[in-house]
Amino acid sequence: MALVKHQLYFGNFYFFDNFIVAEMHKGVFFDWKKATIVIELAEAFYGENSIPHYISNRKNKYFVNPADWTNFFQLGYKIKSYIVIHKTKSSLFNFKFEKMFFKGKTLQFYNLHNAVTWINSFELQE
């Protein structure tokens, strides 16, 4: 169960001990302006020096600007891994494009349970 749930106008964000699950609303364009809201919430919850995992649970079709990852890293933000849960082939294609801009560990799963299991095993190894 999530420790904190944020219901924002563009999606729901579930904050757990060491990861965030993002579920965007259908048709949203997730841009840098929206990303900064989530970043601020994450810093308030985890602290500025914590580095959680980020799971994009793509239950709905939405749009993202992959180049915004460049802003994310240039401003010194970090996440341990970027995990995408795919529901469609177009989501898989978009993820492959996003990976071109993401500097770090990326993974893809077909269900949320497997992603969380991977995070828990990854955390045990650290």
N, C-alpha and C. Protein backbone atom coordinates (compact mmCIF):
# COMPACT_ATOMS: atom_id res chain seq x y z
N MET A 1 0.83 -1.18 0.00
CA MET A 1 0.00 0.00 0.00
C MET A 1 0.88 1.26 0.00
N ALA A 2 0.49 2.23 -0.78
CA ALA A 2 1.28 3.46 -0.89
C ALA A 2 1.28 4.21 0.44
N LEU A 3 2.39 4.84 0.72
CA LEU A 3 2.48 5.67 1.91
C LEU A 3 1.75 7.00 1.69
N VAL A 4 1.87 7.52 0.48
CA VAL A 4 1.20 8.78 0.11
C VAL A 4 0.71 8.65 -1.32
N LYS A 5 -0.51 9.15 -1.55
CA LYS A 5 -1.06 9.20 -2.91
C LYS A 5 -1.35 10.65 -3.25
N HIS A 6 -0.85 11.09 -4.40
CA HIS A 6 -1.13 12.44 -4.89
C HIS A 6 -2.02 12.32 -6.13
N GLN A 7 -3.22 12.88 -6.05
CA GLN A 7 -4.13 12.90 -7.18
C GLN A 7 -4.02 14.29 -7.81
N LEU A 8 -3.32 14.36 -8.92
CA LEU A 8 -3.09 15.62 -9.60
C LEU A 8 -3.98 15.69 -10.83
N TYR A 9 -4.11 16.86 -11.40
CA TYR A 9 -5.00 17.04 -12.55
C TYR A 9 -4.55 16.26 -13.77
N PHE A 10 -3.29 15.81 -13.80
CA PHE A 10 -2.77 15.08 -14.95
C PHE A 10 -2.48 13.62 -14.67
N GLY A 11 -2.60 13.18 -13.42
CA GLY A 11 -2.35 11.78 -13.10
C GLY A 11 -2.28 11.53 -11.60
N ASN A 12 -2.15 10.27 -11.26
CA ASN A 12 -2.01 9.85 -9.86
C ASN A 12 -0.59 9.35 -9.63
N PHE A 13 -0.06 9.70 -8.46
CA PHE A 13 1.31 9.34 -8.11
C PHE A 13 1.30 8.72 -6.72
N TYR A 14 1.86 7.52 -6.65
CA TYR A 14 1.88 6.75 -5.41
C TYR A 14 3.32 6.68 -4.92
N PHE A 15 3.56 7.20 -3.73
CA PHE A 15 4.91 7.23 -3.16
C PHE A 15 5.04 6.11 -2.14
N PHE A 16 5.97 5.21 -2.41
CA PHE A 16 6.30 4.12 -1.51
C PHE A 16 7.65 4.41 -0.87
N ASP A 17 8.16 3.51 -0.05
CA ASP A 17 9.44 3.74 0.62
C ASP A 17 10.57 4.06 -0.33
N ASN A 18 10.67 3.31 -1.42
CA ASN A 18 11.84 3.48 -2.31
C ASN A 18 11.46 3.60 -3.79
N PHE A 19 10.18 3.81 -4.08
CA PHE A 19 9.80 3.99 -5.48
C PHE A 19 8.50 4.79 -5.58
N ILE A 20 8.32 5.34 -6.78
CA ILE A 20 7.11 6.10 -7.13
C ILE A 20 6.43 5.35 -8.28
N VAL A 21 5.11 5.23 -8.19
CA VAL A 21 4.33 4.69 -9.31
C VAL A 21 3.52 5.85 -9.87
N ALA A 22 3.72 6.11 -11.17
CA ALA A 22 3.01 7.19 -11.86
C ALA A 22 1.98 6.59 -12.80
N GLU A 23 0.76 7.10 -12.74
CA GLU A 23 -0.30 6.69 -13.65
C GLU A 23 -0.95 7.94 -14.22
N MET A 24 -0.57 8.28 -15.44
CA MET A 24 -1.09 9.48 -16.09
C MET A 24 -2.53 9.26 -16.56
N HIS A 25 -3.28 10.35 -16.59
CA HIS A 25 -4.64 10.29 -17.13
C HIS A 25 -4.59 10.20 -18.65
N LYS A 26 -5.64 9.65 -19.21
CA LYS A 26 -5.75 9.47 -20.66
C LYS A 26 -5.63 10.80 -21.39
N GLY A 27 -4.79 10.81 -22.44
CA GLY A 27 -4.65 11.96 -23.31
C GLY A 27 -3.76 13.08 -22.80
N VAL A 28 -3.18 12.93 -21.63
CA VAL A 28 -2.33 13.97 -21.05
C VAL A 28 -1.04 14.11 -21.85
N PHE A 29 -0.55 15.33 -21.96
CA PHE A 29 0.80 15.58 -22.47
C PHE A 29 1.66 15.89 -21.25
N PHE A 30 2.48 14.93 -20.85
CA PHE A 30 3.32 15.07 -19.66
C PHE A 30 4.58 15.81 -20.07
N ASP A 31 4.63 17.08 -19.71
CA ASP A 31 5.74 17.94 -20.09
C ASP A 31 6.55 18.34 -18.86
N TRP A 32 7.54 19.18 -19.09
CA TRP A 32 8.46 19.58 -18.01
C TRP A 32 7.72 20.31 -16.89
N LYS A 33 6.74 21.13 -17.21
CA LYS A 33 5.98 21.85 -16.19
C LYS A 33 5.31 20.88 -15.22
N LYS A 34 4.72 19.83 -15.75
CA LYS A 34 4.08 18.82 -14.91
C LYS A 34 5.13 18.01 -14.16
N ALA A 35 6.23 17.71 -14.82
CA ALA A 35 7.29 16.93 -14.17
C ALA A 35 7.84 17.65 -12.95
N THR A 36 7.97 18.98 -13.03
CA THR A 36 8.52 19.72 -11.88
C THR A 36 7.59 19.62 -10.67
N ILE A 37 6.29 19.52 -10.89
CA ILE A 37 5.36 19.34 -9.77
C ILE A 37 5.65 18.02 -9.06
N VAL A 38 5.85 16.97 -9.85
CA VAL A 38 6.13 15.65 -9.27
C VAL A 38 7.49 15.65 -8.59
N ILE A 39 8.46 16.30 -9.18
CA ILE A 39 9.81 16.38 -8.58
C ILE A 39 9.73 17.07 -7.21
N GLU A 40 8.99 18.16 -7.14
CA GLU A 40 8.85 18.88 -5.86
C GLU A 40 8.17 18.02 -4.80
N LEU A 41 7.15 17.28 -5.20
CA LEU A 41 6.47 16.37 -4.27
C LEU A 41 7.43 15.27 -3.80
N ALA A 42 8.22 14.74 -4.73
CA ALA A 42 9.17 13.68 -4.38
C ALA A 42 10.25 14.20 -3.43
N GLU A 43 10.76 15.40 -3.68
CA GLU A 43 11.77 15.97 -2.78
C GLU A 43 11.20 16.22 -1.39
N ALA A 44 9.95 16.65 -1.31
CA ALA A 44 9.30 16.87 -0.01
C ALA A 44 9.11 15.55 0.74
N PHE A 45 8.80 14.48 -0.01
CA PHE A 45 8.55 13.18 0.62
C PHE A 45 9.84 12.43 0.97
N TYR A 46 10.76 12.35 0.01
CA TYR A 46 11.96 11.54 0.18
C TYR A 46 13.14 12.34 0.72
N GLY A 47 13.15 13.65 0.56
CA GLY A 47 14.31 14.47 0.87
C GLY A 47 15.08 14.72 -0.41
N GLU A 48 15.85 15.78 -0.42
CA GLU A 48 16.54 16.19 -1.65
C GLU A 48 17.64 15.24 -2.09
N ASN A 49 18.20 14.46 -1.19
CA ASN A 49 19.32 13.59 -1.56
C ASN A 49 18.92 12.14 -1.81
N SER A 50 17.66 11.83 -1.62
CA SER A 50 17.20 10.45 -1.86
C SER A 50 17.04 10.21 -3.35
N ILE A 51 17.19 8.95 -3.73
CA ILE A 51 17.09 8.59 -5.14
C ILE A 51 16.15 7.38 -5.27
N PRO A 52 14.86 7.63 -5.48
CA PRO A 52 13.92 6.51 -5.62
C PRO A 52 13.93 5.93 -7.03
N HIS A 53 13.27 4.81 -7.19
CA HIS A 53 12.98 4.26 -8.50
C HIS A 53 11.69 4.93 -9.00
N TYR A 54 11.51 4.99 -10.31
CA TYR A 54 10.31 5.59 -10.89
C TYR A 54 9.67 4.60 -11.84
N ILE A 55 8.41 4.26 -11.55
CA ILE A 55 7.65 3.33 -12.39
C ILE A 55 6.56 4.11 -13.12
N SER A 56 6.60 4.05 -14.43
CA SER A 56 5.54 4.63 -15.25
C SER A 56 4.58 3.50 -15.61
N ASN A 57 3.47 3.43 -14.88
CA ASN A 57 2.46 2.40 -15.12
C ASN A 57 1.50 2.92 -16.18
N ARG A 58 1.74 2.56 -17.40
CA ARG A 58 1.02 3.13 -18.54
C ARG A 58 -0.31 2.44 -18.78
N LYS A 59 -1.23 2.70 -17.87
CA LYS A 59 -2.58 2.16 -17.97
C LYS A 59 -3.38 2.88 -19.05
N ASN A 60 -3.05 4.14 -19.27
CA ASN A 60 -3.76 4.97 -20.24
C ASN A 60 -2.80 5.47 -21.30
N LYS A 61 -3.34 5.79 -22.45
CA LYS A 61 -2.52 6.36 -23.50
C LYS A 61 -2.33 7.85 -23.20
N TYR A 62 -1.07 8.27 -23.15
CA TYR A 62 -0.75 9.67 -22.93
C TYR A 62 0.52 9.98 -23.68
N PHE A 63 0.94 11.23 -23.64
CA PHE A 63 2.09 11.66 -24.41
C PHE A 63 3.15 12.24 -23.47
N VAL A 64 4.40 12.05 -23.84
CA VAL A 64 5.50 12.57 -23.03
C VAL A 64 6.52 13.18 -23.97
N ASN A 65 7.20 14.20 -23.49
CA ASN A 65 8.29 14.80 -24.25
C ASN A 65 9.58 14.14 -23.80
N PRO A 66 10.13 13.20 -24.55
CA PRO A 66 11.33 12.47 -24.12
C PRO A 66 12.52 13.39 -23.86
N ALA A 67 12.59 14.50 -24.56
CA ALA A 67 13.72 15.42 -24.38
C ALA A 67 13.71 16.07 -23.01
N ASP A 68 12.59 16.00 -22.28
CA ASP A 68 12.55 16.56 -20.93
C ASP A 68 13.48 15.82 -19.97
N TRP A 69 13.85 14.58 -20.32
CA TRP A 69 14.84 13.88 -19.50
C TRP A 69 16.16 14.66 -19.48
N THR A 70 16.46 15.36 -20.56
CA THR A 70 17.68 16.18 -20.61
C THR A 70 17.62 17.25 -19.53
N ASN A 71 16.48 17.93 -19.40
CA ASN A 71 16.31 18.92 -18.32
C ASN A 71 16.51 18.28 -16.96
N PHE A 72 15.91 17.12 -16.77
CA PHE A 72 15.96 16.40 -15.50
C PHE A 72 17.42 16.18 -15.07
N PHE A 73 18.21 15.66 -15.97
CA PHE A 73 19.61 15.35 -15.63
C PHE A 73 20.48 16.59 -15.56
N GLN A 74 20.24 17.58 -16.41
CA GLN A 74 21.04 18.80 -16.38
C GLN A 74 20.86 19.55 -15.06
N LEU A 75 19.68 19.41 -14.45
CA LEU A 75 19.42 20.08 -13.17
C LEU A 75 19.87 19.24 -11.98
N GLY A 76 20.51 18.11 -12.25
CA GLY A 76 21.09 17.30 -11.18
C GLY A 76 20.16 16.32 -10.52
N TYR A 77 18.98 16.11 -11.07
CA TYR A 77 18.05 15.15 -10.49
C TYR A 77 18.47 13.73 -10.87
N LYS A 78 18.10 12.77 -10.01
CA LYS A 78 18.46 11.38 -10.27
C LYS A 78 17.33 10.46 -9.83
N ILE A 79 17.23 9.32 -10.49
CA ILE A 79 16.41 8.21 -10.03
C ILE A 79 17.24 6.95 -10.19
N LYS A 80 16.97 5.94 -9.36
CA LYS A 80 17.75 4.70 -9.43
C LYS A 80 17.48 3.93 -10.71
N SER A 81 16.22 3.91 -11.12
CA SER A 81 15.86 3.24 -12.36
C SER A 81 14.56 3.83 -12.87
N TYR A 82 14.40 3.72 -14.17
CA TYR A 82 13.17 4.16 -14.84
C TYR A 82 12.53 2.92 -15.43
N ILE A 83 11.37 2.58 -14.90
CA ILE A 83 10.69 1.35 -15.28
C ILE A 83 9.37 1.71 -15.95
N VAL A 84 9.10 1.08 -17.07
CA VAL A 84 7.85 1.31 -17.78
C VAL A 84 7.06 0.00 -17.83
N ILE A 85 5.79 0.11 -17.46
CA ILE A 85 4.87 -1.02 -17.57
C ILE A 85 4.09 -0.80 -18.86
N HIS A 86 4.24 -1.73 -19.80
CA HIS A 86 3.63 -1.62 -21.13
C HIS A 86 2.28 -2.30 -21.18
N LYS A 87 1.38 -1.64 -21.86
CA LYS A 87 0.08 -2.23 -22.13
C LYS A 87 -0.16 -2.36 -23.64
N THR A 88 0.60 -1.59 -24.43
CA THR A 88 0.38 -1.59 -25.89
C THR A 88 1.73 -1.58 -26.61
N LYS A 89 1.69 -1.92 -27.89
CA LYS A 89 2.91 -1.88 -28.70
C LYS A 89 3.40 -0.44 -28.88
N SER A 90 2.48 0.52 -28.96
CA SER A 90 2.89 1.92 -29.12
C SER A 90 3.63 2.40 -27.88
N SER A 91 3.24 1.91 -26.71
CA SER A 91 3.93 2.27 -25.47
C SER A 91 5.37 1.74 -25.50
N LEU A 92 5.55 0.55 -26.01
CA LEU A 92 6.88 -0.03 -26.14
C LEU A 92 7.74 0.79 -27.10
N PHE A 93 7.17 1.19 -28.22
CA PHE A 93 7.90 2.02 -29.19
C PHE A 93 8.29 3.35 -28.55
N ASN A 94 7.36 3.99 -27.84
CA ASN A 94 7.66 5.27 -27.19
C ASN A 94 8.76 5.13 -26.16
N PHE A 95 8.74 4.03 -25.42
CA PHE A 95 9.77 3.80 -24.41
C PHE A 95 11.15 3.67 -25.06
N LYS A 96 11.22 2.98 -26.17
CA LYS A 96 12.51 2.86 -26.88
C LYS A 96 13.03 4.23 -27.30
N PHE A 97 12.13 5.11 -27.70
CA PHE A 97 12.53 6.47 -28.07
C PHE A 97 12.98 7.25 -26.83
N GLU A 98 12.26 7.13 -25.73
CA GLU A 98 12.63 7.81 -24.48
C GLU A 98 14.01 7.39 -24.00
N LYS A 99 14.34 6.12 -24.16
CA LYS A 99 15.64 5.60 -23.70
C LYS A 99 16.81 6.34 -24.34
N MET A 100 16.58 6.94 -25.49
CA MET A 100 17.64 7.69 -26.16
C MET A 100 18.03 8.94 -25.35
N PHE A 101 17.12 9.42 -24.52
CA PHE A 101 17.35 10.64 -23.74
C PHE A 101 17.64 10.35 -22.27
N PHE A 102 17.40 9.14 -21.84
CA PHE A 102 17.53 8.79 -20.42
C PHE A 102 18.93 8.28 -20.12
N LYS A 103 19.55 8.86 -19.12
CA LYS A 103 20.90 8.43 -18.71
C LYS A 103 20.75 7.61 -17.43
N GLY A 104 20.72 6.33 -17.58
CA GLY A 104 20.58 5.48 -16.40
C GLY A 104 19.94 4.16 -16.74
N LYS A 105 19.59 3.43 -15.69
CA LYS A 105 19.02 2.10 -15.82
C LYS A 105 17.55 2.20 -16.24
N THR A 106 17.21 1.54 -17.33
CA THR A 106 15.83 1.47 -17.80
C THR A 106 15.41 0.01 -17.89
N LEU A 107 14.17 -0.23 -17.53
CA LEU A 107 13.62 -1.58 -17.59
C LEU A 107 12.18 -1.50 -18.08
N GLN A 108 11.72 -2.60 -18.61
CA GLN A 108 10.32 -2.68 -19.04
C GLN A 108 9.72 -3.98 -18.52
N PHE A 109 8.47 -3.88 -18.12
CA PHE A 109 7.73 -5.03 -17.63
C PHE A 109 6.32 -4.95 -18.21
N TYR A 110 5.61 -6.06 -18.11
CA TYR A 110 4.24 -6.08 -18.60
C TYR A 110 3.22 -6.02 -17.47
N ASN A 111 3.72 -6.04 -16.21
CA ASN A 111 2.81 -5.83 -15.09
C ASN A 111 3.55 -5.20 -13.92
N LEU A 112 2.79 -4.53 -13.09
CA LEU A 112 3.34 -3.79 -11.97
C LEU A 112 3.97 -4.70 -10.92
N HIS A 113 3.37 -5.84 -10.70
CA HIS A 113 3.89 -6.79 -9.71
C HIS A 113 5.35 -7.17 -10.00
N ASN A 114 5.65 -7.49 -11.26
CA ASN A 114 7.02 -7.88 -11.62
C ASN A 114 7.99 -6.72 -11.44
N ALA A 115 7.55 -5.51 -11.71
CA ALA A 115 8.41 -4.33 -11.53
C ALA A 115 8.74 -4.14 -10.06
N VAL A 116 7.76 -4.24 -9.21
CA VAL A 116 7.99 -4.07 -7.76
C VAL A 116 8.86 -5.20 -7.23
N THR A 117 8.65 -6.40 -7.70
CA THR A 117 9.50 -7.53 -7.29
C THR A 117 10.94 -7.27 -7.68
N TRP A 118 11.16 -6.75 -8.88
CA TRP A 118 12.53 -6.44 -9.32
C TRP A 118 13.15 -5.36 -8.42
N ILE A 119 12.40 -4.32 -8.11
CA ILE A 119 12.92 -3.26 -7.23
C ILE A 119 13.31 -3.83 -5.88
N ASN A 120 12.46 -4.65 -5.30
CA ASN A 120 12.75 -5.22 -3.99
C ASN A 120 14.01 -6.09 -4.02
N SER A 121 14.20 -6.87 -5.07
CA SER A 121 15.41 -7.69 -5.17
C SER A 121 16.63 -6.82 -5.43
N PHE A 122 16.48 -5.76 -6.19
CA PHE A 122 17.57 -4.82 -6.46
C PHE A 122 18.01 -4.15 -5.16
N GLU A 123 17.07 -3.73 -4.36
CA GLU A 123 17.37 -3.06 -3.09
C GLU A 123 18.09 -4.01 -2.12
N LEU A 124 17.73 -5.27 -2.14
CA LEU A 124 18.40 -6.25 -1.26
C LEU A 124 19.86 -6.45 -1.65
N GLN A 125 20.18 -6.28 -2.93
CA GLN A 125 21.53 -6.49 -3.42
C GLN A 125 22.45 -5.31 -3.11
N GLU A 126 21.86 -4.13 -2.87
CA GLU A 126 22.69 -2.94 -2.64
C GLU A 126 23.32 -2.96 -1.27
